[in-house]
Structure formats: C-alpha cells, structure tokens
Amino acid sequence: MIRTAVPPAFSGLAGSHRPTRPAGIGRRSAVALLLALGACAELRTRPPAPPPGELTGGDFSSPLLAVARRALADFAPGGGGLAGPPEAVALAAARLEWLGGETRPGGGLARLDEGFRFALAAAVEEQRAALGLAPEATPEQAIAALLAARHALARGERAAVEAALAPPAFRPGLRPGPLARLAEPGPRPNAQLVLPGLVAALERAPAARLEEGGVGFGVGEGGLQPFTAPRR
C-alpha cells in the first residue's frame, strides 16, 4: 500500500493532529485583518454624503443636479454668485468645491470622462488661486471654511470671518487677503466652460442613477453623454 503524505496545513483533517497556524499570523493579527477587510468593503458600498442644504437650495430630490444647476447660475457671465456680495461669492465657491470633490472615488462624478474631470479640476484650481484657498486643503475643509465665512459675513462678525478665512483651508499671509478676494473674485472662465456641459449631461441622465448619487459620462457624437454601467 502506498501512503500519501498529508500536508501539515491539512493534518488536522486527516488524523488526530491539531491544525497548524500559519507562521507570523496570530489571533490578534487575524482579527485585525478581518476588520480591515470589512472596512474596505464598507468604503466600497457606502453612498456619498449629501451636500449641505444651502448648496442645493434645499432641493434634495437630486442633490448632484441641484448643486450643479445652482453653480451654473452662479458662474454664468453676470451670474448672481460672482456678481453678488462676498457671502454670495463664498456660497458659489463652496458649490464648485463640492462638485470637484464628487470626482473622487465613490463620489457622484467619479466616472466622469477623464478629460471632463480634468476640466472640472482646472475650474477648482482656478478658483483656489483666485480666492487664496490652499492647494492642499480637502474639499471638506474648503467648504466648511467658505460656509463659515458666509454665515459670519451675514451676521457682521468680523472676527469670525477672519477666523474662517484662515489655514488650513486658506493660505497664510495673503495680500490682498481672502476677504478682499471674495469682494472682487474676478472672472472664472474654466468654470464657465465646464458647468454647462455638466448640467446638460446630468439632466439627460436617468433619474435612478441620480438618486443613487452616481452617474458616468463619456464623450459621444452629441458631446458629453451619460451612461448607466452598474456602480462598483
């Protein structure tokens, strides 16, 4: 009779020996690995957080489209956002920051065509340079600072305005300072270029995709076109 050697990892199934534990992996390490894998799965499936209500104007039926439409009105030539007082400029800037943040993995615009994502990123970069926002600030930091400044401006609280328009969201030592830049924001050609196409594509996208917070785009014969590939 020929006896077949049983690999050590399976010896517990073949005989009375206890299963061996792979070298280097203890019980705590195994638990930590399982927790990490669970966290990764949650990150893949967690829906994007909705925007602050003031960015949508209170319209949460399709938040992505609502913010995009209001941003388009803000940045249109002669639009109310850039032509208004500093608090209106801050709100318009927060909307563009939020849209830019939605191009990150898991966001509602994560599957934008690469060229279109580049154009939206250029609009955000243009805005940050004009207002003095720090290039390394996260969208969340920029939005929180802009909205805090907006509220403080509406209340007439100068100290609170200065506290909001400070690092880490804004660059230190700016001349002119952020408040002066909000008062005279200047033109935004990149935003004016990208926002009409974004709004048009979102309006053509199926409502179900907008409710999920995710829509993909590619460039077709008619320009930017939405597609409905399953969300990953």
C-alpha atoms as a PDB file:
ATOM      1  CA  MET A   1       0.000   0.000   0.000  1.00  0.00           C
ATOM      2  CA  ILE A   2       1.230   3.437  -0.920  1.00  0.00           C
ATOM      3  CA  ARG A   3       0.790   6.043   1.739  1.00  0.00           C
ATOM      4  CA  THR A   4       0.369   9.655   0.662  1.00  0.00           C
ATOM      5  CA  ALA A   5       1.933  12.309   2.850  1.00  0.00           C
ATOM      6  CA  VAL A   6      -0.607  14.789   4.196  1.00  0.00           C
ATOM      7  CA  PRO A   7       0.443  18.462   4.045  1.00  0.00           C
ATOM      8  CA  PRO A   8       0.839  19.940   7.556  1.00  0.00           C
ATOM      9  CA  ALA A   9      -1.874  22.534   6.955  1.00  0.00           C
ATOM     10  CA  PHE A  10      -4.453  19.746   6.475  1.00  0.00           C
ATOM     11  CA  SER A  11      -3.133  17.276   9.084  1.00  0.00           C
ATOM     12  CA  GLY A  12      -5.998  18.130  11.432  1.00  0.00           C
ATOM     13  CA  LEU A  13      -8.452  16.743   8.858  1.00  0.00           C
ATOM     14  CA  ALA A  14      -6.538  13.543   8.233  1.00  0.00           C
ATOM     15  CA  GLY A  15      -5.696  12.487  11.750  1.00  0.00           C
ATOM     16  CA  SER A  16      -5.690  13.473  15.356  1.00  0.00           C
ATOM     17  CA  HIS A  17      -3.182  16.290  14.987  1.00  0.00           C
ATOM     18  CA  ARG A  18      -4.410  19.849  15.576  1.00  0.00           C
ATOM     19  CA  PRO A  19      -4.330  22.223  12.567  1.00  0.00           C
ATOM     20  CA  THR A  20      -1.201  24.290  12.397  1.00  0.00           C
ATOM     21  CA  ARG A  21      -1.413  28.090  12.341  1.00  0.00           C
ATOM     22  CA  PRO A  22       0.500  29.819   9.540  1.00  0.00           C
ATOM     23  CA  ALA A  23       3.718  31.323  10.817  1.00  0.00           C
ATOM     24  CA  GLY A  24       3.612  35.007  11.600  1.00  0.00           C
ATOM     25  CA  ILE A  25      -0.173  35.310  11.924  1.00  0.00           C
ATOM     26  CA  GLY A  26      -1.515  35.400  15.450  1.00  0.00           C
ATOM     27  CA  ARG A  27      -5.110  35.591  16.584  1.00  0.00           C
ATOM     28  CA  ARG A  28      -4.947  39.370  17.031  1.00  0.00           C
ATOM     29  CA  SER A  29      -3.416  39.814  13.578  1.00  0.00           C
ATOM     30  CA  ALA A  30      -6.152  37.702  12.020  1.00  0.00           C
ATOM     31  CA  VAL A  31      -8.868  39.744  13.729  1.00  0.00           C
ATOM     32  CA  ALA A  32      -7.224  42.982  12.633  1.00  0.00           C
ATOM     33  CA  LEU A  33      -7.094  41.697   9.051  1.00  0.00           C
ATOM     34  CA  LEU A  34     -10.780  40.799   9.098  1.00  0.00           C
ATOM     35  CA  LEU A  35     -11.675  44.236  10.458  1.00  0.00           C
ATOM     36  CA  ALA A  36      -9.591  45.923   7.770  1.00  0.00           C
ATOM     37  CA  LEU A  37     -11.264  43.886   5.034  1.00  0.00           C
ATOM     38  CA  GLY A  38     -14.668  44.765   6.455  1.00  0.00           C
ATOM     39  CA  ALA A  39     -13.778  48.450   6.499  1.00  0.00           C
ATOM     40  CA  CYS A  40     -12.671  48.266   2.858  1.00  0.00           C
ATOM     41  CA  ALA A  41     -15.962  46.641   1.888  1.00  0.00           C
ATOM     42  CA  GLU A  42     -17.877  49.350   3.738  1.00  0.00           C
ATOM     43  CA  LEU A  43     -15.918  52.063   1.917  1.00  0.00           C
ATOM     44  CA  ARG A  44     -16.794  50.460  -1.415  1.00  0.00           C
ATOM     45  CA  THR A  45     -20.505  50.321  -0.665  1.00  0.00           C
ATOM     46  CA  ARG A  46     -21.077  53.433   1.465  1.00  0.00           C
ATOM     47  CA  PRO A  47     -23.074  56.038  -0.503  1.00  0.00           C
ATOM     48  CA  PRO A  48     -21.611  59.541  -0.783  1.00  0.00           C
ATOM     49  CA  ALA A  49     -22.686  62.007   1.897  1.00  0.00           C
ATOM     50  CA  PRO A  50     -25.293  64.541   0.765  1.00  0.00           C
ATOM     51  CA  PRO A  51     -24.180  68.146   0.386  1.00  0.00           C
ATOM     52  CA  PRO A  52     -25.107  70.825   2.944  1.00  0.00           C
ATOM     53  CA  GLY A  53     -28.638  72.041   2.321  1.00  0.00           C
ATOM     54  CA  GLU A  54     -27.562  75.565   1.408  1.00  0.00           C
ATOM     55  CA  LEU A  55     -25.581  74.209  -1.533  1.00  0.00           C
ATOM     56  CA  THR A  56     -28.687  72.624  -3.035  1.00  0.00           C
ATOM     57  CA  GLY A  57     -31.032  75.447  -2.094  1.00  0.00           C
ATOM     58  CA  GLY A  58     -32.984  72.898  -0.043  1.00  0.00           C
ATOM     59  CA  ASP A  59     -33.591  70.595  -3.047  1.00  0.00           C
ATOM     60  CA  PHE A  60     -32.599  67.041  -2.066  1.00  0.00           C
ATOM     61  CA  SER A  61     -34.575  65.237  -4.774  1.00  0.00           C
ATOM     62  CA  SER A  62     -31.387  65.084  -6.899  1.00  0.00           C
ATOM     63  CA  PRO A  63     -28.629  66.793  -4.877  1.00  0.00           C
ATOM     64  CA  LEU A  64     -25.958  66.423  -7.545  1.00  0.00           C
ATOM     65  CA  LEU A  65     -28.107  68.068 -10.201  1.00  0.00           C
ATOM     66  CA  ALA A  66     -29.370  70.724  -7.780  1.00  0.00           C
ATOM     67  CA  VAL A  67     -25.836  71.825  -6.846  1.00  0.00           C
ATOM     68  CA  ALA A  68     -24.698  71.760 -10.474  1.00  0.00           C
ATOM     69  CA  ARG A  69     -27.631  73.909 -11.617  1.00  0.00           C
ATOM     70  CA  ARG A  70     -27.024  76.486  -8.921  1.00  0.00           C
ATOM     71  CA  ALA A  71     -23.314  76.529  -9.652  1.00  0.00           C
ATOM     72  CA  LEU A  72     -24.076  77.109 -13.329  1.00  0.00           C
ATOM     73  CA  ALA A  73     -26.231  80.113 -12.403  1.00  0.00           C
ATOM     74  CA  ASP A  74     -23.535  81.382 -10.019  1.00  0.00           C
ATOM     75  CA  PHE A  75     -20.718  81.257 -12.556  1.00  0.00           C
ATOM     76  CA  ALA A  76     -22.615  82.289 -15.683  1.00  0.00           C
ATOM     77  CA  PRO A  77     -21.457  85.631 -17.117  1.00  0.00           C
ATOM     78  CA  GLY A  78     -23.152  88.223 -14.929  1.00  0.00           C
ATOM     79  CA  GLY A  79     -24.409  85.435 -12.640  1.00  0.00           C
ATOM     80  CA  GLY A  80     -25.630  86.246  -9.157  1.00  0.00           C
ATOM     81  CA  GLY A  81     -22.864  84.332  -7.382  1.00  0.00           C
ATOM     82  CA  LEU A  82     -19.807  86.192  -8.599  1.00  0.00           C
ATOM     83  CA  ALA A  83     -21.636  89.479  -9.039  1.00  0.00           C
ATOM     84  CA  GLY A  84     -23.049  89.448  -5.512  1.00  0.00           C
ATOM     85  CA  PRO A  85     -21.634  90.378  -2.110  1.00  0.00           C
ATOM     86  CA  PRO A  86     -18.786  88.339  -0.539  1.00  0.00           C
ATOM     87  CA  GLU A  87     -21.177  85.956   1.187  1.00  0.00           C
ATOM     88  CA  ALA A  88     -22.746  85.074  -2.182  1.00  0.00           C
ATOM     89  CA  VAL A  89     -19.297  84.514  -3.671  1.00  0.00           C
ATOM     90  CA  ALA A  90     -18.407  82.217  -0.759  1.00  0.00           C
ATOM     91  CA  LEU A  91     -21.536  80.137  -1.365  1.00  0.00           C
ATOM     92  CA  ALA A  92     -20.819  79.885  -5.091  1.00  0.00           C
ATOM     93  CA  ALA A  93     -17.243  78.819  -4.344  1.00  0.00           C
ATOM     94  CA  ALA A  94     -18.459  76.151  -1.894  1.00  0.00           C
ATOM     95  CA  ARG A  95     -20.719  74.687  -4.590  1.00  0.00           C
ATOM     96  CA  LEU A  96     -17.851  74.371  -7.049  1.00  0.00           C
ATOM     97  CA  GLU A  97     -15.647  72.814  -4.362  1.00  0.00           C
ATOM     98  CA  TRP A  98     -18.333  70.226  -3.619  1.00  0.00           C
ATOM     99  CA  LEU A  99     -18.688  69.303  -7.290  1.00  0.00           C
ATOM    100  CA  GLY A 100     -14.926  68.928  -7.558  1.00  0.00           C
ATOM    101  CA  GLY A 101     -14.906  66.661  -4.527  1.00  0.00           C
ATOM    102  CA  GLU A 102     -17.524  64.407  -6.130  1.00  0.00           C
ATOM    103  CA  THR A 103     -14.981  63.308  -8.751  1.00  0.00           C
ATOM    104  CA  ARG A 104     -13.090  61.359  -6.073  1.00  0.00           C
ATOM    105  CA  PRO A 105     -13.577  57.566  -5.835  1.00  0.00           C
ATOM    106  CA  GLY A 106     -17.071  56.821  -4.552  1.00  0.00           C
ATOM    107  CA  GLY A 107     -18.394  60.263  -5.479  1.00  0.00           C
ATOM    108  CA  GLY A 108     -21.302  61.001  -7.780  1.00  0.00           C
ATOM    109  CA  LEU A 109     -18.972  62.171 -10.566  1.00  0.00           C
ATOM    110  CA  ALA A 110     -16.237  59.568 -10.070  1.00  0.00           C
ATOM    111  CA  ARG A 111     -16.828  58.056 -13.523  1.00  0.00           C
ATOM    112  CA  LEU A 112     -16.638  61.274 -15.491  1.00  0.00           C
ATOM    113  CA  ASP A 113     -14.668  61.091 -18.681  1.00  0.00           C
ATOM    114  CA  GLU A 114     -11.013  61.832 -17.880  1.00  0.00           C
ATOM    115  CA  GLY A 115     -10.956  64.996 -19.966  1.00  0.00           C
ATOM    116  CA  PHE A 116     -14.080  66.288 -18.277  1.00  0.00           C
ATOM    117  CA  ARG A 117     -12.680  65.544 -14.812  1.00  0.00           C
ATOM    118  CA  PHE A 118      -9.570  67.465 -15.808  1.00  0.00           C
ATOM    119  CA  ALA A 119     -11.693  70.459 -16.840  1.00  0.00           C
ATOM    120  CA  LEU A 120     -13.587  70.435 -13.536  1.00  0.00           C
ATOM    121  CA  ALA A 121     -10.326  70.128 -11.589  1.00  0.00           C
ATOM    122  CA  ALA A 122      -8.967  73.094 -13.556  1.00  0.00           C
ATOM    123  CA  ALA A 123     -12.018  75.148 -12.569  1.00  0.00           C
ATOM    124  CA  VAL A 124     -11.462  74.325  -8.893  1.00  0.00           C
ATOM    125  CA  GLU A 125      -7.735  75.105  -9.156  1.00  0.00           C
ATOM    126  CA  GLU A 126      -8.536  78.419 -10.845  1.00  0.00           C
ATOM    127  CA  GLN A 127     -10.935  79.305  -8.049  1.00  0.00           C
ATOM    128  CA  ARG A 128      -8.495  78.347  -5.289  1.00  0.00           C
ATOM    129  CA  ALA A 129      -5.784  80.526  -6.813  1.00  0.00           C
ATOM    130  CA  ALA A 130      -8.165  83.484  -7.109  1.00  0.00           C
ATOM    131  CA  LEU A 131      -9.584  83.264  -3.572  1.00  0.00           C
ATOM    132  CA  GLY A 132      -6.431  82.158  -1.775  1.00  0.00           C
ATOM    133  CA  LEU A 133      -7.616  78.678  -0.851  1.00  0.00           C
ATOM    134  CA  ALA A 134      -4.741  76.324  -0.026  1.00  0.00           C
ATOM    135  CA  PRO A 135      -3.994  73.839  -2.836  1.00  0.00           C
ATOM    136  CA  GLU A 136      -3.583  71.037  -0.270  1.00  0.00           C
ATOM    137  CA  ALA A 137      -6.905  71.701   1.507  1.00  0.00           C
ATOM    138  CA  THR A 138      -9.506  68.980   1.184  1.00  0.00           C
ATOM    139  CA  PRO A 139     -12.872  69.850  -0.372  1.00  0.00           C
ATOM    140  CA  GLU A 140     -14.432  69.371   3.064  1.00  0.00           C
ATOM    141  CA  GLN A 141     -12.055  71.880   4.654  1.00  0.00           C
ATOM    142  CA  ALA A 142     -12.631  74.409   1.886  1.00  0.00           C
ATOM    143  CA  ILE A 143     -16.424  74.058   2.015  1.00  0.00           C
ATOM    144  CA  ALA A 144     -16.549  74.331   5.809  1.00  0.00           C
ATOM    145  CA  ALA A 145     -14.393  77.482   5.767  1.00  0.00           C
ATOM    146  CA  LEU A 146     -16.360  79.133   2.965  1.00  0.00           C
ATOM    147  CA  LEU A 147     -19.725  78.453   4.590  1.00  0.00           C
ATOM    148  CA  ALA A 148     -18.462  79.592   8.000  1.00  0.00           C
ATOM    149  CA  ALA A 149     -17.249  82.825   6.395  1.00  0.00           C
ATOM    150  CA  ARG A 150     -20.595  83.244   4.657  1.00  0.00           C
ATOM    151  CA  HIS A 151     -22.527  82.921   7.903  1.00  0.00           C
ATOM    152  CA  ALA A 152     -20.164  85.248   9.765  1.00  0.00           C
ATOM    153  CA  LEU A 153     -20.423  87.848   6.998  1.00  0.00           C
ATOM    154  CA  ALA A 154     -24.213  87.692   7.152  1.00  0.00           C
ATOM    155  CA  ARG A 155     -24.045  88.298  10.912  1.00  0.00           C
ATOM    156  CA  GLY A 156     -21.484  91.073  10.565  1.00  0.00           C
ATOM    157  CA  GLU A 157     -18.966  89.308  12.822  1.00  0.00           C
ATOM    158  CA  ARG A 158     -15.567  90.403  11.530  1.00  0.00           C
ATOM    159  CA  ALA A 159     -13.526  88.288  13.964  1.00  0.00           C
ATOM    160  CA  ALA A 160     -15.438  85.154  12.956  1.00  0.00           C
ATOM    161  CA  VAL A 161     -14.893  85.993   9.289  1.00  0.00           C
ATOM    162  CA  GLU A 162     -11.141  86.252   9.794  1.00  0.00           C
ATOM    163  CA  ALA A 163     -11.108  83.005  11.772  1.00  0.00           C
ATOM    164  CA  ALA A 164     -12.907  81.209   8.940  1.00  0.00           C
ATOM    165  CA  LEU A 165     -10.654  82.614   6.196  1.00  0.00           C
ATOM    166  CA  ALA A 166      -7.513  81.141   7.756  1.00  0.00           C
ATOM    167  CA  PRO A 167      -5.383  77.979   7.493  1.00  0.00           C
ATOM    168  CA  PRO A 168      -5.716  75.124   6.871  1.00  0.00           C
ATOM    169  CA  ALA A 169      -8.327  75.995   4.240  1.00  0.00           C
ATOM    170  CA  PHE A 170      -6.730  79.313   3.211  1.00  0.00           C
ATOM    171  CA  ARG A 171      -3.112  80.220   2.573  1.00  0.00           C
ATOM    172  CA  PRO A 172      -1.481  82.376   5.260  1.00  0.00           C
ATOM    173  CA  GLY A 173      -0.100  85.847   4.648  1.00  0.00           C
ATOM    174  CA  LEU A 174      -2.081  86.644   1.530  1.00  0.00           C
ATOM    175  CA  ARG A 175      -2.002  90.146   0.059  1.00  0.00           C
ATOM    176  CA  PRO A 176      -4.721  91.020  -0.742  1.00  0.00           C
ATOM    177  CA  GLY A 177      -6.395  88.872   1.881  1.00  0.00           C
ATOM    178  CA  PRO A 178      -9.206  86.351   1.356  1.00  0.00           C
ATOM    179  CA  LEU A 179     -11.968  88.799   2.304  1.00  0.00           C
ATOM    180  CA  ALA A 180     -10.804  91.296  -0.325  1.00  0.00           C
ATOM    181  CA  ARG A 181     -10.648  88.456  -2.832  1.00  0.00           C
ATOM    182  CA  LEU A 182     -14.230  87.436  -2.042  1.00  0.00           C
ATOM    183  CA  ALA A 183     -15.278  91.054  -2.593  1.00  0.00           C
ATOM    184  CA  GLU A 184     -13.636  91.089  -6.039  1.00  0.00           C
ATOM    185  CA  PRO A 185     -13.481  87.468  -7.210  1.00  0.00           C
ATOM    186  CA  GLY A 186     -12.746  88.158 -10.867  1.00  0.00           C
ATOM    187  CA  PRO A 187     -13.819  86.019 -13.854  1.00  0.00           C
ATOM    188  CA  ARG A 188     -13.936  82.224 -13.846  1.00  0.00           C
ATOM    189  CA  PRO A 189     -13.517  81.096 -17.473  1.00  0.00           C
ATOM    190  CA  ASN A 190     -12.813  77.441 -16.607  1.00  0.00           C
ATOM    191  CA  ALA A 191     -15.973  77.130 -14.518  1.00  0.00           C
ATOM    192  CA  GLN A 192     -17.994  78.853 -17.227  1.00  0.00           C
ATOM    193  CA  LEU A 193     -16.601  76.354 -19.723  1.00  0.00           C
ATOM    194  CA  VAL A 194     -17.246  73.117 -17.817  1.00  0.00           C
ATOM    195  CA  LEU A 195     -20.503  73.727 -15.919  1.00  0.00           C
ATOM    196  CA  PRO A 196     -22.936  73.998 -18.886  1.00  0.00           C
ATOM    197  CA  GLY A 197     -21.843  70.587 -20.196  1.00  0.00           C
ATOM    198  CA  LEU A 198     -22.044  69.035 -16.742  1.00  0.00           C
ATOM    199  CA  VAL A 199     -25.581  70.274 -16.132  1.00  0.00           C
ATOM    200  CA  ALA A 200     -26.730  69.212 -19.606  1.00  0.00           C
ATOM    201  CA  ALA A 201     -25.339  65.697 -19.110  1.00  0.00           C
ATOM    202  CA  LEU A 202     -26.864  65.354 -15.645  1.00  0.00           C
ATOM    203  CA  GLU A 203     -30.246  66.434 -16.982  1.00  0.00           C
ATOM    204  CA  ARG A 204     -30.054  63.698 -19.634  1.00  0.00           C
ATOM    205  CA  ALA A 205     -29.026  61.029 -17.130  1.00  0.00           C
ATOM    206  CA  PRO A 206     -31.703  58.583 -15.905  1.00  0.00           C
ATOM    207  CA  ALA A 207     -33.296  59.714 -12.679  1.00  0.00           C
ATOM    208  CA  ALA A 208     -32.475  56.414 -10.973  1.00  0.00           C
ATOM    209  CA  ARG A 209     -28.765  56.992 -11.444  1.00  0.00           C
ATOM    210  CA  LEU A 210     -29.003  60.472  -9.961  1.00  0.00           C
ATOM    211  CA  GLU A 211     -30.868  59.181  -6.918  1.00  0.00           C
ATOM    212  CA  GLU A 212     -28.030  56.740  -6.294  1.00  0.00           C
ATOM    213  CA  GLY A 213     -25.624  59.672  -6.436  1.00  0.00           C
ATOM    214  CA  GLY A 214     -23.581  58.167  -9.239  1.00  0.00           C
ATOM    215  CA  VAL A 215     -23.513  58.738 -12.973  1.00  0.00           C
ATOM    216  CA  GLY A 216     -20.870  58.071 -15.582  1.00  0.00           C
ATOM    217  CA  PHE A 217     -20.047  60.084 -18.675  1.00  0.00           C
ATOM    218  CA  GLY A 218     -18.218  59.607 -21.922  1.00  0.00           C
ATOM    219  CA  VAL A 219     -17.743  61.789 -24.964  1.00  0.00           C
ATOM    220  CA  GLY A 220     -20.062  60.835 -27.826  1.00  0.00           C
ATOM    221  CA  GLU A 221     -21.223  62.390 -31.076  1.00  0.00           C
ATOM    222  CA  GLY A 222     -23.508  64.793 -29.241  1.00  0.00           C
ATOM    223  CA  GLY A 223     -20.867  65.827 -26.717  1.00  0.00           C
ATOM    224  CA  LEU A 224     -20.803  64.637 -23.109  1.00  0.00           C
ATOM    225  CA  GLN A 225     -23.145  61.654 -22.742  1.00  0.00           C
ATOM    226  CA  PRO A 226     -24.249  59.779 -19.587  1.00  0.00           C
ATOM    227  CA  PHE A 227     -24.004  56.016 -19.312  1.00  0.00           C
ATOM    228  CA  THR A 228     -25.584  53.646 -16.811  1.00  0.00           C
ATOM    229  CA  ALA A 229     -22.987  50.981 -16.145  1.00  0.00           C
ATOM    230  CA  PRO A 230     -23.548  49.297 -12.747  1.00  0.00           C
ATOM    231  CA  ARG A 231     -21.990  51.197  -9.897  1.00  0.00           C
ATOM    232  CA  ARG A 232     -18.952  49.485  -8.347  1.00  0.00           C
END
